[in-house]
Amino acid sequence: MEALRADMFEEICPSTLLPFRIGPDKWSAAVLRCLEDGPRRFSELRVPLARVTPKVLTQSLRALERDGFVRRTAEARRVTYELTDLGHGLLKQLYVLCDWSSEHWDELLEAREG
């Protein structure tokens, strides 16, 4: 599995203009995207989510786990997070919304500026 890129989430990208949220908080969609290829450790998630404080990332992961989207597995000194089937289903819907925001990028920017 490839390492997560630090530039995975640019400050200006269609997802920042979505007029709705996915999951329990504003970082949930990004966390779901980070977990789409398989289990990740907290330190791996911190690379593309550097703008998120460790406390807030922990809260997001706990909320996603509570809602059944993420599974936390603790083994010896290793904790990993991965998507559940429910999380994979939500991720598919996230892609639909991302496609929509990309198609309406100019309109969304115009509305925000106007």
PDB file of N, CA and C in Angstrom:
ATOM      1  N   MET A   1       0.848  -1.176   0.000  1.00  0.00           N
ATOM      2  CA  MET A   1       0.000   0.000   0.000  1.00  0.00           C
ATOM      3  C   MET A   1       0.896   1.242   0.000  1.00  0.00           C
ATOM      4  N   GLU A   2       0.548   2.196  -0.844  1.00  0.00           N
ATOM      5  CA  GLU A   2       1.311   3.433  -0.941  1.00  0.00           C
ATOM      6  C   GLU A   2       1.115   4.304   0.283  1.00  0.00           C
ATOM      7  N   ALA A   3       2.138   5.086   0.586  1.00  0.00           N
ATOM      8  CA  ALA A   3       2.037   6.056   1.675  1.00  0.00           C
ATOM      9  C   ALA A   3       1.077   7.166   1.255  1.00  0.00           C
ATOM     10  N   LEU A   4       0.418   7.753   2.223  1.00  0.00           N
ATOM     11  CA  LEU A   4      -0.476   8.872   1.953  1.00  0.00           C
ATOM     12  C   LEU A   4       0.359  10.110   1.660  1.00  0.00           C
ATOM     13  N   ARG A   5      -0.043  10.863   0.648  1.00  0.00           N
ATOM     14  CA  ARG A   5       0.682  12.066   0.248  1.00  0.00           C
ATOM     15  C   ARG A   5       0.343  13.237   1.181  1.00  0.00           C
ATOM     16  N   ALA A   6       1.328  14.032   1.489  1.00  0.00           N
ATOM     17  CA  ALA A   6       1.109  15.208   2.332  1.00  0.00           C
ATOM     18  C   ALA A   6       0.197  16.221   1.648  1.00  0.00           C
ATOM     19  N   ASP A   7       0.216  16.264   0.311  1.00  0.00           N
ATOM     20  CA  ASP A   7      -0.602  17.232  -0.424  1.00  0.00           C
ATOM     21  C   ASP A   7      -1.940  16.644  -0.882  1.00  0.00           C
ATOM     22  N   MET A   8      -2.367  15.588  -0.238  1.00  0.00           N
ATOM     23  CA  MET A   8      -3.604  14.907  -0.632  1.00  0.00           C
ATOM     24  C   MET A   8      -4.824  15.833  -0.564  1.00  0.00           C
ATOM     25  N   PHE A   9      -4.815  16.747   0.373  1.00  0.00           N
ATOM     26  CA  PHE A   9      -5.934  17.675   0.545  1.00  0.00           C
ATOM     27  C   PHE A   9      -5.418  19.105   0.470  1.00  0.00           C
ATOM     28  N   GLU A  10      -5.556  19.692  -0.697  1.00  0.00           N
ATOM     29  CA  GLU A  10      -5.162  21.084  -0.881  1.00  0.00           C
ATOM     30  C   GLU A  10      -6.152  21.973  -0.130  1.00  0.00           C
ATOM     31  N   GLU A  11      -5.683  23.160   0.247  1.00  0.00           N
ATOM     32  CA  GLU A  11      -6.593  24.077   0.949  1.00  0.00           C
ATOM     33  C   GLU A  11      -7.748  24.503   0.059  1.00  0.00           C
ATOM     34  N   ILE A  12      -7.475  24.677  -1.223  1.00  0.00           N
ATOM     35  CA  ILE A  12      -8.534  25.044  -2.165  1.00  0.00           C
ATOM     36  C   ILE A  12      -8.810  23.820  -3.033  1.00  0.00           C
ATOM     37  N   CYS A  13      -9.861  23.129  -2.726  1.00  0.00           N
ATOM     38  CA  CYS A  13     -10.279  21.990  -3.540  1.00  0.00           C
ATOM     39  C   CYS A  13     -11.795  21.903  -3.465  1.00  0.00           C
ATOM     40  N   PRO A  14     -12.418  21.221  -4.405  1.00  0.00           N
ATOM     41  CA  PRO A  14     -13.881  21.162  -4.413  1.00  0.00           C
ATOM     42  C   PRO A  14     -14.494  20.690  -3.098  1.00  0.00           C
ATOM     43  N   SER A  15     -13.824  19.803  -2.383  1.00  0.00           N
ATOM     44  CA  SER A  15     -14.415  19.289  -1.148  1.00  0.00           C
ATOM     45  C   SER A  15     -14.597  20.376  -0.096  1.00  0.00           C
ATOM     46  N   THR A  16     -13.772  21.427  -0.153  1.00  0.00           N
ATOM     47  CA  THR A  16     -13.923  22.501   0.830  1.00  0.00           C
ATOM     48  C   THR A  16     -15.148  23.367   0.540  1.00  0.00           C
ATOM     49  N   LEU A  17     -15.692  23.254  -0.654  1.00  0.00           N
ATOM     50  CA  LEU A  17     -16.854  24.060  -1.018  1.00  0.00           C
ATOM     51  C   LEU A  17     -18.175  23.312  -0.914  1.00  0.00           C
ATOM     52  N   LEU A  18     -18.117  22.051  -0.527  1.00  0.00           N
ATOM     53  CA  LEU A  18     -19.364  21.291  -0.420  1.00  0.00           C
ATOM     54  C   LEU A  18     -20.296  21.970   0.580  1.00  0.00           C
ATOM     55  N   PRO A  19     -21.536  22.169   0.202  1.00  0.00           N
ATOM     56  CA  PRO A  19     -22.473  22.819   1.115  1.00  0.00           C
ATOM     57  C   PRO A  19     -23.078  21.852   2.139  1.00  0.00           C
ATOM     58  N   PHE A  20     -22.461  20.708   2.329  1.00  0.00           N
ATOM     59  CA  PHE A  20     -22.949  19.711   3.283  1.00  0.00           C
ATOM     60  C   PHE A  20     -21.753  18.941   3.817  1.00  0.00           C
ATOM     61  N   ARG A  21     -21.979  18.257   4.910  1.00  0.00           N
ATOM     62  CA  ARG A  21     -20.913  17.469   5.534  1.00  0.00           C
ATOM     63  C   ARG A  21     -21.204  15.992   5.415  1.00  0.00           C
ATOM     64  N   ILE A  22     -20.145  15.221   5.373  1.00  0.00           N
ATOM     65  CA  ILE A  22     -20.232  13.765   5.350  1.00  0.00           C
ATOM     66  C   ILE A  22     -19.754  13.286   6.711  1.00  0.00           C
ATOM     67  N   GLY A  23     -20.555  12.511   7.397  1.00  0.00           N
ATOM     68  CA  GLY A  23     -20.148  12.013   8.702  1.00  0.00           C
ATOM     69  C   GLY A  23     -20.380  13.043   9.790  1.00  0.00           C
ATOM     70  N   PRO A  24     -19.868  12.762  10.974  1.00  0.00           N
ATOM     71  CA  PRO A  24     -20.193  13.579  12.140  1.00  0.00           C
ATOM     72  C   PRO A  24     -19.487  14.933  12.234  1.00  0.00           C
ATOM     73  N   ASP A  25     -18.443  15.185  11.475  1.00  0.00           N
ATOM     74  CA  ASP A  25     -17.757  16.469  11.594  1.00  0.00           C
ATOM     75  C   ASP A  25     -17.097  16.861  10.272  1.00  0.00           C
ATOM     76  N   LYS A  26     -16.457  18.007  10.236  1.00  0.00           N
ATOM     77  CA  LYS A  26     -15.925  18.522   8.972  1.00  0.00           C
ATOM     78  C   LYS A  26     -14.734  17.741   8.436  1.00  0.00           C
ATOM     79  N   TRP A  27     -14.060  16.932   9.249  1.00  0.00           N
ATOM     80  CA  TRP A  27     -12.899  16.181   8.792  1.00  0.00           C
ATOM     81  C   TRP A  27     -13.223  14.744   8.419  1.00  0.00           C
ATOM     82  N   SER A  28     -14.425  14.310   8.650  1.00  0.00           N
ATOM     83  CA  SER A  28     -14.787  12.907   8.422  1.00  0.00           C
ATOM     84  C   SER A  28     -14.571  12.459   6.982  1.00  0.00           C
ATOM     85  N   ALA A  29     -14.944  13.283   6.044  1.00  0.00           N
ATOM     86  CA  ALA A  29     -14.786  12.908   4.634  1.00  0.00           C
ATOM     87  C   ALA A  29     -13.313  12.688   4.297  1.00  0.00           C
ATOM     88  N   ALA A  30     -12.455  13.547   4.805  1.00  0.00           N
ATOM     89  CA  ALA A  30     -11.024  13.395   4.543  1.00  0.00           C
ATOM     90  C   ALA A  30     -10.487  12.118   5.194  1.00  0.00           C
ATOM     91  N   VAL A  31     -10.942  11.817   6.390  1.00  0.00           N
ATOM     92  CA  VAL A  31     -10.511  10.590   7.065  1.00  0.00           C
ATOM     93  C   VAL A  31     -10.947   9.372   6.259  1.00  0.00           C
ATOM     94  N   LEU A  32     -12.190   9.382   5.781  1.00  0.00           N
ATOM     95  CA  LEU A  32     -12.679   8.270   4.962  1.00  0.00           C
ATOM     96  C   LEU A  32     -11.799   8.075   3.731  1.00  0.00           C
ATOM     97  N   ARG A  33     -11.454   9.165   3.069  1.00  0.00           N
ATOM     98  CA  ARG A  33     -10.600   9.085   1.884  1.00  0.00           C
ATOM     99  C   ARG A  33      -9.242   8.488   2.220  1.00  0.00           C
ATOM    100  N   CYS A  34      -8.688   8.857   3.365  1.00  0.00           N
ATOM    101  CA  CYS A  34      -7.382   8.332   3.781  1.00  0.00           C
ATOM    102  C   CYS A  34      -7.425   6.831   4.034  1.00  0.00           C
ATOM    103  N   LEU A  35      -8.586   6.326   4.407  1.00  0.00           N
ATOM    104  CA  LEU A  35      -8.713   4.908   4.744  1.00  0.00           C
ATOM    105  C   LEU A  35      -9.217   4.046   3.587  1.00  0.00           C
ATOM    106  N   GLU A  36      -9.447   4.631   2.424  1.00  0.00           N
ATOM    107  CA  GLU A  36     -10.062   3.894   1.329  1.00  0.00           C
ATOM    108  C   GLU A  36      -9.229   2.718   0.821  1.00  0.00           C
ATOM    109  N   ASP A  37      -7.910   2.784   0.937  1.00  0.00           N
ATOM    110  CA  ASP A  37      -7.067   1.704   0.413  1.00  0.00           C
ATOM    111  C   ASP A  37      -6.705   0.642   1.442  1.00  0.00           C
ATOM    112  N   GLY A  38      -7.149   0.826   2.673  1.00  0.00           N
ATOM    113  CA  GLY A  38      -6.861  -0.170   3.699  1.00  0.00           C
ATOM    114  C   GLY A  38      -6.521   0.461   5.033  1.00  0.00           C
ATOM    115  N   PRO A  39      -6.202  -0.379   6.000  1.00  0.00           N
ATOM    116  CA  PRO A  39      -5.927   0.099   7.360  1.00  0.00           C
ATOM    117  C   PRO A  39      -4.735   1.062   7.408  1.00  0.00           C
ATOM    118  N   ARG A  40      -4.847   2.036   8.296  1.00  0.00           N
ATOM    119  CA  ARG A  40      -3.783   3.020   8.496  1.00  0.00           C
ATOM    120  C   ARG A  40      -3.592   3.266   9.990  1.00  0.00           C
ATOM    121  N   ARG A  41      -2.371   3.608  10.339  1.00  0.00           N
ATOM    122  CA  ARG A  41      -2.068   4.005  11.700  1.00  0.00           C
ATOM    123  C   ARG A  41      -2.343   5.503  11.847  1.00  0.00           C
ATOM    124  N   PHE A  42      -2.513   5.929  13.078  1.00  0.00           N
ATOM    125  CA  PHE A  42      -2.784   7.334  13.369  1.00  0.00           C
ATOM    126  C   PHE A  42      -1.698   8.224  12.756  1.00  0.00           C
ATOM    127  N   SER A  43      -0.439   7.836  12.926  1.00  0.00           N
ATOM    128  CA  SER A  43       0.671   8.645  12.398  1.00  0.00           C
ATOM    129  C   SER A  43       0.619   8.768  10.878  1.00  0.00           C
ATOM    130  N   GLU A  44       0.118   7.757  10.194  1.00  0.00           N
ATOM    131  CA  GLU A  44      -0.031   7.827   8.741  1.00  0.00           C
ATOM    132  C   GLU A  44      -1.118   8.831   8.360  1.00  0.00           C
ATOM    133  N   LEU A  45      -2.190   8.843   9.127  1.00  0.00           N
ATOM    134  CA  LEU A  45      -3.299   9.768   8.856  1.00  0.00           C
ATOM    135  C   LEU A  45      -2.873  11.216   9.063  1.00  0.00           C
ATOM    136  N   ARG A  46      -1.939  11.438   9.962  1.00  0.00           N
ATOM    137  CA  ARG A  46      -1.484  12.789  10.261  1.00  0.00           C
ATOM    138  C   ARG A  46      -0.755  13.436   9.079  1.00  0.00           C
ATOM    139  N   VAL A  47      -0.214  12.640   8.171  1.00  0.00           N
ATOM    140  CA  VAL A  47       0.558  13.204   7.049  1.00  0.00           C
ATOM    141  C   VAL A  47      -0.344  14.071   6.158  1.00  0.00           C
ATOM    142  N   PRO A  48      -1.416  13.536   5.559  1.00  0.00           N
ATOM    143  CA  PRO A  48      -2.253  14.402   4.727  1.00  0.00           C
ATOM    144  C   PRO A  48      -3.189  15.299   5.539  1.00  0.00           C
ATOM    145  N   LEU A  49      -3.379  14.970   6.806  1.00  0.00           N
ATOM    146  CA  LEU A  49      -4.281  15.741   7.656  1.00  0.00           C
ATOM    147  C   LEU A  49      -3.509  16.607   8.651  1.00  0.00           C
ATOM    148  N   ALA A  50      -2.405  17.163   8.209  1.00  0.00           N
ATOM    149  CA  ALA A  50      -1.537  17.957   9.085  1.00  0.00           C
ATOM    150  C   ALA A  50      -2.228  19.199   9.642  1.00  0.00           C
ATOM    151  N   ARG A  51      -3.234  19.707   8.932  1.00  0.00           N
ATOM    152  CA  ARG A  51      -3.969  20.893   9.423  1.00  0.00           C
ATOM    153  C   ARG A  51      -4.903  20.551  10.573  1.00  0.00           C
ATOM    154  N   VAL A  52      -5.120  19.266  10.815  1.00  0.00           N
ATOM    155  CA  VAL A  52      -6.012  18.822  11.882  1.00  0.00           C
ATOM    156  C   VAL A  52      -5.166  18.535  13.124  1.00  0.00           C
ATOM    157  N   THR A  53      -5.575  19.071  14.263  1.00  0.00           N
ATOM    158  CA  THR A  53      -4.826  18.788  15.484  1.00  0.00           C
ATOM    159  C   THR A  53      -5.011  17.315  15.855  1.00  0.00           C
ATOM    160  N   PRO A  54      -4.050  16.726  16.551  1.00  0.00           N
ATOM    161  CA  PRO A  54      -4.204  15.332  16.980  1.00  0.00           C
ATOM    162  C   PRO A  54      -5.493  15.103  17.786  1.00  0.00           C
ATOM    163  N   LYS A  55      -5.850  16.068  18.612  1.00  0.00           N
ATOM    164  CA  LYS A  55      -7.068  15.948  19.425  1.00  0.00           C
ATOM    165  C   LYS A  55      -8.309  15.863  18.536  1.00  0.00           C
ATOM    166  N   VAL A  56      -8.398  16.732  17.550  1.00  0.00           N
ATOM    167  CA  VAL A  56      -9.556  16.755  16.666  1.00  0.00           C
ATOM    168  C   VAL A  56      -9.593  15.506  15.790  1.00  0.00           C
ATOM    169  N   LEU A  57      -8.428  15.051  15.315  1.00  0.00           N
ATOM    170  CA  LEU A  57      -8.385  13.823  14.527  1.00  0.00           C
ATOM    171  C   LEU A  57      -8.853  12.638  15.368  1.00  0.00           C
ATOM    172  N   THR A  58      -8.428  12.582  16.604  1.00  0.00           N
ATOM    173  CA  THR A  58      -8.879  11.519  17.508  1.00  0.00           C
ATOM    174  C   THR A  58     -10.392  11.575  17.686  1.00  0.00           C
ATOM    175  N   GLN A  59     -10.937  12.766  17.873  1.00  0.00           N
ATOM    176  CA  GLN A  59     -12.387  12.919  18.019  1.00  0.00           C
ATOM    177  C   GLN A  59     -13.121  12.463  16.761  1.00  0.00           C
ATOM    178  N   SER A  60     -12.577  12.807  15.590  1.00  0.00           N
ATOM    179  CA  SER A  60     -13.201  12.395  14.330  1.00  0.00           C
ATOM    180  C   SER A  60     -13.190  10.880  14.187  1.00  0.00           C
ATOM    181  N   LEU A  61     -12.055  10.271  14.487  1.00  0.00           N
ATOM    182  CA  LEU A  61     -11.956   8.808  14.399  1.00  0.00           C
ATOM    183  C   LEU A  61     -12.915   8.129  15.369  1.00  0.00           C
ATOM    184  N   ARG A  62     -13.015   8.647  16.574  1.00  0.00           N
ATOM    185  CA  ARG A  62     -13.939   8.066  17.565  1.00  0.00           C
ATOM    186  C   ARG A  62     -15.392   8.194  17.114  1.00  0.00           C
ATOM    187  N   ALA A  63     -15.722   9.349  16.547  1.00  0.00           N
ATOM    188  CA  ALA A  63     -17.096   9.550  16.072  1.00  0.00           C
ATOM    189  C   ALA A  63     -17.403   8.625  14.892  1.00  0.00           C
ATOM    190  N   LEU A  64     -16.455   8.472  13.983  1.00  0.00           N
ATOM    191  CA  LEU A  64     -16.653   7.570  12.845  1.00  0.00           C
ATOM    192  C   LEU A  64     -16.763   6.120  13.311  1.00  0.00           C
ATOM    193  N   GLU A  65     -15.997   5.779  14.333  1.00  0.00           N
ATOM    194  CA  GLU A  65     -16.083   4.429  14.904  1.00  0.00           C
ATOM    195  C   GLU A  65     -17.441   4.229  15.583  1.00  0.00           C
ATOM    196  N   ARG A  66     -17.853   5.204  16.358  1.00  0.00           N
ATOM    197  CA  ARG A  66     -19.141   5.140  17.056  1.00  0.00           C
ATOM    198  C   ARG A  66     -20.303   4.952  16.071  1.00  0.00           C
ATOM    199  N   ASP A  67     -20.212   5.616  14.926  1.00  0.00           N
ATOM    200  CA  ASP A  67     -21.286   5.559  13.937  1.00  0.00           C
ATOM    201  C   ASP A  67     -21.181   4.361  13.002  1.00  0.00           C
ATOM    202  N   GLY A  68     -20.153   3.532  13.199  1.00  0.00           N
ATOM    203  CA  GLY A  68     -20.037   2.295  12.434  1.00  0.00           C
ATOM    204  C   GLY A  68     -19.321   2.403  11.110  1.00  0.00           C
ATOM    205  N   PHE A  69     -18.652   3.534  10.844  1.00  0.00           N
ATOM    206  CA  PHE A  69     -17.958   3.720   9.570  1.00  0.00           C
ATOM    207  C   PHE A  69     -16.507   3.256   9.611  1.00  0.00           C
ATOM    208  N   VAL A  70     -15.920   3.263  10.802  1.00  0.00           N
ATOM    209  CA  VAL A  70     -14.500   2.927  10.982  1.00  0.00           C
ATOM    210  C   VAL A  70     -14.366   1.878  12.078  1.00  0.00           C
ATOM    211  N   ARG A  71     -13.437   0.971  11.868  1.00  0.00           N
ATOM    212  CA  ARG A  71     -13.107  -0.046  12.877  1.00  0.00           C
ATOM    213  C   ARG A  71     -11.715   0.248  13.413  1.00  0.00           C
ATOM    214  N   ARG A  72     -11.596   0.296  14.723  1.00  0.00           N
ATOM    215  CA  ARG A  72     -10.297   0.490  15.388  1.00  0.00           C
ATOM    216  C   ARG A  72      -9.821  -0.872  15.877  1.00  0.00           C
ATOM    217  N   THR A  73      -8.588  -1.217  15.530  1.00  0.00           N
ATOM    218  CA  THR A  73      -8.013  -2.491  15.951  1.00  0.00           C
ATOM    219  C   THR A  73      -6.730  -2.218  16.724  1.00  0.00           C
ATOM    220  N   ALA A  74      -6.680  -2.702  17.956  1.00  0.00           N
ATOM    221  CA  ALA A  74      -5.488  -2.528  18.792  1.00  0.00           C
ATOM    222  C   ALA A  74      -4.824  -3.886  18.981  1.00  0.00           C
ATOM    223  N   GLU A  75      -3.580  -3.975  18.549  1.00  0.00           N
ATOM    224  CA  GLU A  75      -2.787  -5.192  18.700  1.00  0.00           C
ATOM    225  C   GLU A  75      -1.441  -4.809  19.300  1.00  0.00           C
ATOM    226  N   ALA A  76      -1.142  -5.349  20.452  1.00  0.00           N
ATOM    227  CA  ALA A  76       0.120  -5.060  21.148  1.00  0.00           C
ATOM    228  C   ALA A  76       0.364  -3.546  21.172  1.00  0.00           C
ATOM    229  N   ARG A  77       1.357  -3.076  20.443  1.00  0.00           N
ATOM    230  CA  ARG A  77       1.680  -1.633  20.424  1.00  0.00           C
ATOM    231  C   ARG A  77       1.250  -0.972  19.127  1.00  0.00           C
ATOM    232  N   ARG A  78       0.342  -1.581  18.428  1.00  0.00           N
ATOM    233  CA  ARG A  78      -0.074  -1.073  17.114  1.00  0.00           C
ATOM    234  C   ARG A  78      -1.588  -0.907  17.071  1.00  0.00           C
ATOM    235  N   VAL A  79      -2.028   0.298  16.764  1.00  0.00           N
ATOM    236  CA  VAL A  79      -3.451   0.591  16.596  1.00  0.00           C
ATOM    237  C   VAL A  79      -3.657   1.004  15.148  1.00  0.00           C
ATOM    238  N   THR A  80      -4.634   0.382  14.498  1.00  0.00           N
ATOM    239  CA  THR A  80      -4.952   0.751  13.120  1.00  0.00           C
ATOM    240  C   THR A  80      -6.433   1.082  13.011  1.00  0.00           C
ATOM    241  N   TYR A  81      -6.737   1.846  11.978  1.00  0.00           N
ATOM    242  CA  TYR A  81      -8.105   2.235  11.672  1.00  0.00           C
ATOM    243  C   TYR A  81      -8.391   1.794  10.251  1.00  0.00           C
ATOM    244  N   GLU A  82      -9.590   1.270  10.029  1.00  0.00           N
ATOM    245  CA  GLU A  82      -9.975   0.858   8.681  1.00  0.00           C
ATOM    246  C   GLU A  82     -11.470   1.065   8.490  1.00  0.00           C
ATOM    247  N   LEU A  83     -11.869   1.162   7.234  1.00  0.00           N
ATOM    248  CA  LEU A  83     -13.282   1.332   6.918  1.00  0.00           C
ATOM    249  C   LEU A  83     -14.032   0.025   7.118  1.00  0.00           C
ATOM    250  N   THR A  84     -15.241   0.135   7.625  1.00  0.00           N
ATOM    251  CA  THR A  84     -16.151  -1.004   7.682  1.00  0.00           C
ATOM    252  C   THR A  84     -16.900  -1.052   6.352  1.00  0.00           C
ATOM    253  N   ASP A  85     -17.756  -2.041   6.181  1.00  0.00           N
ATOM    254  CA  ASP A  85     -18.592  -2.080   4.968  1.00  0.00           C
ATOM    255  C   ASP A  85     -19.452  -0.828   4.879  1.00  0.00           C
ATOM    256  N   LEU A  86     -19.967  -0.391   6.011  1.00  0.00           N
ATOM    257  CA  LEU A  86     -20.775   0.829   6.051  1.00  0.00           C
ATOM    258  C   LEU A  86     -19.930   2.034   5.619  1.00  0.00           C
ATOM    259  N   GLY A  87     -18.687   2.077   6.065  1.00  0.00           N
ATOM    260  CA  GLY A  87     -17.784   3.159   5.682  1.00  0.00           C
ATOM    261  C   GLY A  87     -17.476   3.162   4.200  1.00  0.00           C
ATOM    262  N   HIS A  88     -17.278   1.962   3.625  1.00  0.00           N
ATOM    263  CA  HIS A  88     -17.050   1.872   2.177  1.00  0.00           C
ATOM    264  C   HIS A  88     -18.280   2.363   1.408  1.00  0.00           C
ATOM    265  N   GLY A  89     -19.469   2.045   1.918  1.00  0.00           N
ATOM    266  CA  GLY A  89     -20.699   2.509   1.279  1.00  0.00           C
ATOM    267  C   GLY A  89     -20.812   4.027   1.318  1.00  0.00           C
ATOM    268  N   LEU A  90     -20.435   4.615   2.451  1.00  0.00           N
ATOM    269  CA  LEU A  90     -20.464   6.073   2.569  1.00  0.00           C
ATOM    270  C   LEU A  90     -19.424   6.710   1.652  1.00  0.00           C
ATOM    271  N   LEU A  91     -18.279   6.072   1.525  1.00  0.00           N
ATOM    272  CA  LEU A  91     -17.229   6.585   0.651  1.00  0.00           C
ATOM    273  C   LEU A  91     -17.707   6.653  -0.801  1.00  0.00           C
ATOM    274  N   LYS A  92     -18.474   5.662  -1.236  1.00  0.00           N
ATOM    275  CA  LYS A  92     -19.027   5.694  -2.601  1.00  0.00           C
ATOM    276  C   LYS A  92     -19.912   6.920  -2.792  1.00  0.00           C
ATOM    277  N   GLN A  93     -20.695   7.253  -1.783  1.00  0.00           N
ATOM    278  CA  GLN A  93     -21.561   8.429  -1.870  1.00  0.00           C
ATOM    279  C   GLN A  93     -20.733   9.710  -1.857  1.00  0.00           C
ATOM    280  N   LEU A  94     -19.645   9.688  -1.129  1.00  0.00           N
ATOM    281  CA  LEU A  94     -18.750  10.841  -1.091  1.00  0.00           C
ATOM    282  C   LEU A  94     -18.215  11.148  -2.486  1.00  0.00           C
ATOM    283  N   TYR A  95     -17.875  10.108  -3.239  1.00  0.00           N
ATOM    284  CA  TYR A  95     -17.388  10.316  -4.600  1.00  0.00           C
ATOM    285  C   TYR A  95     -18.450  10.956  -5.489  1.00  0.00           C
ATOM    286  N   VAL A  96     -19.688  10.574  -5.306  1.00  0.00           N
ATOM    287  CA  VAL A  96     -20.781  11.194  -6.069  1.00  0.00           C
ATOM    288  C   VAL A  96     -20.847  12.685  -5.756  1.00  0.00           C
ATOM    289  N   LEU A  97     -20.746  13.020  -4.485  1.00  0.00           N
ATOM    290  CA  LEU A  97     -20.799  14.425  -4.076  1.00  0.00           C
ATOM    291  C   LEU A  97     -19.566  15.199  -4.556  1.00  0.00           C
ATOM    292  N   CYS A  98     -18.417  14.566  -4.542  1.00  0.00           N
ATOM    293  CA  CYS A  98     -17.204  15.226  -5.049  1.00  0.00           C
ATOM    294  C   CYS A  98     -17.315  15.496  -6.549  1.00  0.00           C
ATOM    295  N   ASP A  99     -17.864  14.537  -7.288  1.00  0.00           N
ATOM    296  CA  ASP A  99     -18.075  14.746  -8.722  1.00  0.00           C
ATOM    297  C   ASP A  99     -19.027  15.915  -8.945  1.00  0.00           C
ATOM    298  N   TRP A 100     -20.089  15.980  -8.149  1.00  0.00           N
ATOM    299  CA  TRP A 100     -21.063  17.068  -8.272  1.00  0.00           C
ATOM    300  C   TRP A 100     -20.385  18.406  -7.999  1.00  0.00           C
ATOM    301  N   SER A 101     -19.580  18.480  -6.938  1.00  0.00           N
ATOM    302  CA  SER A 101     -18.937  19.753  -6.608  1.00  0.00           C
ATOM    303  C   SER A 101     -17.930  20.160  -7.677  1.00  0.00           C
ATOM    304  N   SER A 102     -17.258  19.186  -8.281  1.00  0.00           N
ATOM    305  CA  SER A 102     -16.331  19.507  -9.372  1.00  0.00           C
ATOM    306  C   SER A 102     -17.077  20.081 -10.566  1.00  0.00           C
ATOM    307  N   GLU A 103     -18.229  19.512 -10.873  1.00  0.00           N
ATOM    308  CA  GLU A 103     -19.044  20.001 -11.994  1.00  0.00           C
ATOM    309  C   GLU A 103     -19.562  21.408 -11.730  1.00  0.00           C
ATOM    310  N   HIS A 104     -19.791  21.750 -10.476  1.00  0.00           N
ATOM    311  CA  HIS A 104     -20.383  23.042 -10.122  1.00  0.00           C
ATOM    312  C   HIS A 104     -19.385  23.971  -9.430  1.00  0.00           C
ATOM    313  N   TRP A 105     -18.100  23.698  -9.642  1.00  0.00           N
ATOM    314  CA  TRP A 105     -17.037  24.454  -8.988  1.00  0.00           C
ATOM    315  C   TRP A 105     -17.197  25.962  -9.185  1.00  0.00           C
ATOM    316  N   ASP A 106     -17.369  26.398 -10.423  1.00  0.00           N
ATOM    317  CA  ASP A 106     -17.478  27.832 -10.698  1.00  0.00           C
ATOM    318  C   ASP A 106     -18.691  28.451 -10.011  1.00  0.00           C
ATOM    319  N   GLU A 107     -19.809  27.747 -10.043  1.00  0.00           N
ATOM    320  CA  GLU A 107     -21.022  28.255  -9.396  1.00  0.00           C
ATOM    321  C   GLU A 107     -20.853  28.355  -7.884  1.00  0.00           C
ATOM    322  N   LEU A 108     -20.199  27.367  -7.302  1.00  0.00           N
ATOM    323  CA  LEU A 108     -19.972  27.385  -5.856  1.00  0.00           C
ATOM    324  C   LEU A 108     -19.048  28.525  -5.461  1.00  0.00           C
ATOM    325  N   LEU A 109     -17.985  28.735  -6.248  1.00  0.00           N
ATOM    326  CA  LEU A 109     -17.071  29.844  -5.979  1.00  0.00           C
ATOM    327  C   LEU A 109     -17.804  31.184  -6.098  1.00  0.00           C
ATOM    328  N   GLU A 110     -18.587  31.314  -7.149  1.00  0.00           N
ATOM    329  CA  GLU A 110     -19.335  32.544  -7.381  1.00  0.00           C
ATOM    330  C   GLU A 110     -20.297  32.834  -6.227  1.00  0.00           C
ATOM    331  N   ALA A 111     -20.982  31.818  -5.769  1.00  0.00           N
ATOM    332  CA  ALA A 111     -21.920  31.991  -4.657  1.00  0.00           C
ATOM    333  C   ALA A 111     -21.200  32.407  -3.386  1.00  0.00           C
ATOM    334  N   ARG A 112     -20.032  31.833  -3.143  1.00  0.00           N
ATOM    335  CA  ARG A 112     -19.266  32.173  -1.926  1.00  0.00           C
ATOM    336  C   ARG A 112     -18.731  33.604  -1.988  1.00  0.00           C
ATOM    337  N   GLU A 113     -18.353  34.018  -3.195  1.00  0.00           N
ATOM    338  CA  GLU A 113     -17.787  35.360  -3.341  1.00  0.00           C
ATOM    339  C   GLU A 113     -18.859  36.445  -3.395  1.00  0.00           C
ATOM    340  N   GLY A 114     -20.060  36.069  -3.844  1.00  0.00           N
ATOM    341  CA  GLY A 114     -21.126  37.045  -4.059  1.00  0.00           C
ATOM    342  C   GLY A 114     -21.873  37.339  -2.850  1.00  0.00           C
TER     343      GLY A 114
END
